[in-house]
Structure formats: structure tokens, C-alpha cells
Amino acid sequence: MTTTPAWGTVPAESLGPVGVPLVDLLDRVLAAGVVVSGDLVIAIAEVPLIRLSLHALLSSVNERVPAPWTDGGPL
């Protein structure tokens, strides 16, 4: 007679790999593109002194897709 283990007692090794390797995750993110946004406020005594905003677009470059600008780009 076989017994079924109690809920939550199965060893993690028997469940298989959990998560995605970093290389696969990076490949998926760059293929689709991702926008990173953030705000940082430095304050003293609840008086905001400095505010930094970050907005970045991460995407892969493809030679087969033409650039959206005609003058050679921003560089």
C-alpha cells in the first residue's frame, strides 16, 4: 500500500526546476522590450530637496528593422 505525502511535504528536488535561467529571462525581455521607470526623492525633515526620475527603454537591436529616424539617429 502506497501512502500519499501530506500537503507541502514533497521535496523540492522532485518538483523539478523552479524559475527561469537568467539568460532565458534576458532573452525574453530584450525580444519584447521593457520600460523601467522610477522616482527617487531625497528629503530632510519631510522637506523634499532633490527629485530624480528615471525612464529607460530596454530592447534588442535588429538589423532587419529600419530605424525610425532618417538623419542617422540621435548619436
C-alpha atoms as a PDB file:
ATOM      1  CA  MET A   1       0.000   0.000   0.000  1.00  0.00           C
ATOM      2  CA  THR A   2       1.404   3.424  -1.004  1.00  0.00           C
ATOM      3  CA  THR A   3       0.751   6.488   1.048  1.00  0.00           C
ATOM      4  CA  THR A   4       0.368   9.981  -0.311  1.00  0.00           C
ATOM      5  CA  PRO A   5       2.617  12.519   1.401  1.00  0.00           C
ATOM      6  CA  ALA A   6       0.950  15.288   3.369  1.00  0.00           C
ATOM      7  CA  TRP A   7       0.418  18.638   1.677  1.00  0.00           C
ATOM      8  CA  GLY A   8       3.649  20.633   1.449  1.00  0.00           C
ATOM      9  CA  THR A   9       5.973  17.767   2.406  1.00  0.00           C
ATOM     10  CA  VAL A  10       7.142  16.805  -1.120  1.00  0.00           C
ATOM     11  CA  PRO A  11      10.890  17.509  -1.502  1.00  0.00           C
ATOM     12  CA  ALA A  12      11.704  20.392  -3.846  1.00  0.00           C
ATOM     13  CA  GLU A  13      14.020  18.156  -5.926  1.00  0.00           C
ATOM     14  CA  SER A  14      11.109  16.007  -7.033  1.00  0.00           C
ATOM     15  CA  LEU A  15       9.117  19.001  -8.289  1.00  0.00           C
ATOM     16  CA  GLY A  16      11.682  19.878 -10.992  1.00  0.00           C
ATOM     17  CA  PRO A  17      13.385  23.182 -11.652  1.00  0.00           C
ATOM     18  CA  VAL A  18      11.639  26.270 -10.396  1.00  0.00           C
ATOM     19  CA  GLY A  19      12.190  29.601 -12.121  1.00  0.00           C
ATOM     20  CA  VAL A  20      13.793  30.653 -15.372  1.00  0.00           C
ATOM     21  CA  PRO A  21      17.538  30.863 -16.038  1.00  0.00           C
ATOM     22  CA  LEU A  22      18.790  34.444 -16.221  1.00  0.00           C
ATOM     23  CA  VAL A  23      19.894  34.098 -19.852  1.00  0.00           C
ATOM     24  CA  ASP A  24      16.425  32.942 -20.946  1.00  0.00           C
ATOM     25  CA  LEU A  25      14.765  35.724 -18.973  1.00  0.00           C
ATOM     26  CA  LEU A  26      17.064  38.349 -20.512  1.00  0.00           C
ATOM     27  CA  ASP A  27      16.396  36.951 -23.998  1.00  0.00           C
ATOM     28  CA  ARG A  28      12.632  37.174 -23.476  1.00  0.00           C
ATOM     29  CA  VAL A  29      12.810  40.698 -22.067  1.00  0.00           C
ATOM     30  CA  LEU A  30      15.012  42.036 -24.863  1.00  0.00           C
ATOM     31  CA  ALA A  31      12.929  40.353 -27.565  1.00  0.00           C
ATOM     32  CA  ALA A  32       9.756  42.091 -26.385  1.00  0.00           C
ATOM     33  CA  GLY A  33      11.283  45.207 -24.814  1.00  0.00           C
ATOM     34  CA  VAL A  34      10.657  46.593 -21.366  1.00  0.00           C
ATOM     35  CA  VAL A  35      10.276  50.055 -19.857  1.00  0.00           C
ATOM     36  CA  VAL A  36      11.856  50.771 -16.476  1.00  0.00           C
ATOM     37  CA  SER A  37      10.590  53.791 -14.539  1.00  0.00           C
ATOM     38  CA  GLY A  38      11.394  55.035 -11.099  1.00  0.00           C
ATOM     39  CA  ASP A  39      11.445  58.102  -8.875  1.00  0.00           C
ATOM     40  CA  LEU A  40      13.832  58.933  -6.068  1.00  0.00           C
ATOM     41  CA  VAL A  41      13.150  61.776  -3.658  1.00  0.00           C
ATOM     42  CA  ILE A  42      15.755  62.912  -1.151  1.00  0.00           C
ATOM     43  CA  ALA A  43      14.169  64.770   1.755  1.00  0.00           C
ATOM     44  CA  ILE A  44      15.230  66.129   5.110  1.00  0.00           C
ATOM     45  CA  ALA A  45      12.584  66.593   7.807  1.00  0.00           C
ATOM     46  CA  GLU A  46       9.916  65.696   5.259  1.00  0.00           C
ATOM     47  CA  VAL A  47      11.002  68.583   3.007  1.00  0.00           C
ATOM     48  CA  PRO A  48      11.808  67.249  -0.477  1.00  0.00           C
ATOM     49  CA  LEU A  49      15.161  68.602  -1.655  1.00  0.00           C
ATOM     50  CA  ILE A  50      16.061  66.553  -4.727  1.00  0.00           C
ATOM     51  CA  ARG A  51      13.873  64.539  -7.070  1.00  0.00           C
ATOM     52  CA  LEU A  52      15.344  62.174  -9.646  1.00  0.00           C
ATOM     53  CA  SER A  53      13.201  60.485 -12.291  1.00  0.00           C
ATOM     54  CA  LEU A  54      14.389  57.537 -14.340  1.00  0.00           C
ATOM     55  CA  HIS A  55      12.708  56.322 -17.513  1.00  0.00           C
ATOM     56  CA  ALA A  56      14.589  53.764 -19.619  1.00  0.00           C
ATOM     57  CA  LEU A  57      13.618  51.577 -22.554  1.00  0.00           C
ATOM     58  CA  LEU A  58      15.467  48.264 -22.901  1.00  0.00           C
ATOM     59  CA  SER A  59      15.110  46.476 -26.211  1.00  0.00           C
ATOM     60  CA  SER A  60      17.175  44.462 -28.651  1.00  0.00           C
ATOM     61  CA  VAL A  61      18.517  45.836 -31.930  1.00  0.00           C
ATOM     62  CA  ASN A  62      17.596  44.129 -35.172  1.00  0.00           C
ATOM     63  CA  GLU A  63      19.319  44.906 -38.481  1.00  0.00           C
ATOM     64  CA  ARG A  64      16.229  43.917 -40.475  1.00  0.00           C
ATOM     65  CA  VAL A  65      14.027  46.556 -38.839  1.00  0.00           C
ATOM     66  CA  PRO A  66      14.795  50.067 -40.124  1.00  0.00           C
ATOM     67  CA  ALA A  67      15.486  52.902 -37.714  1.00  0.00           C
ATOM     68  CA  PRO A  68      12.557  55.269 -37.092  1.00  0.00           C
ATOM     69  CA  TRP A  69      14.716  58.343 -37.827  1.00  0.00           C
ATOM     70  CA  THR A  70      16.144  59.331 -41.212  1.00  0.00           C
ATOM     71  CA  ASP A  71      19.090  61.559 -40.246  1.00  0.00           C
ATOM     72  CA  GLY A  72      21.329  58.828 -38.818  1.00  0.00           C
ATOM     73  CA  GLY A  73      19.900  58.757 -35.331  1.00  0.00           C
ATOM     74  CA  PRO A  74      20.411  60.590 -32.087  1.00  0.00           C
ATOM     75  CA  LEU A  75      24.149  59.864 -31.897  1.00  0.00           C
END
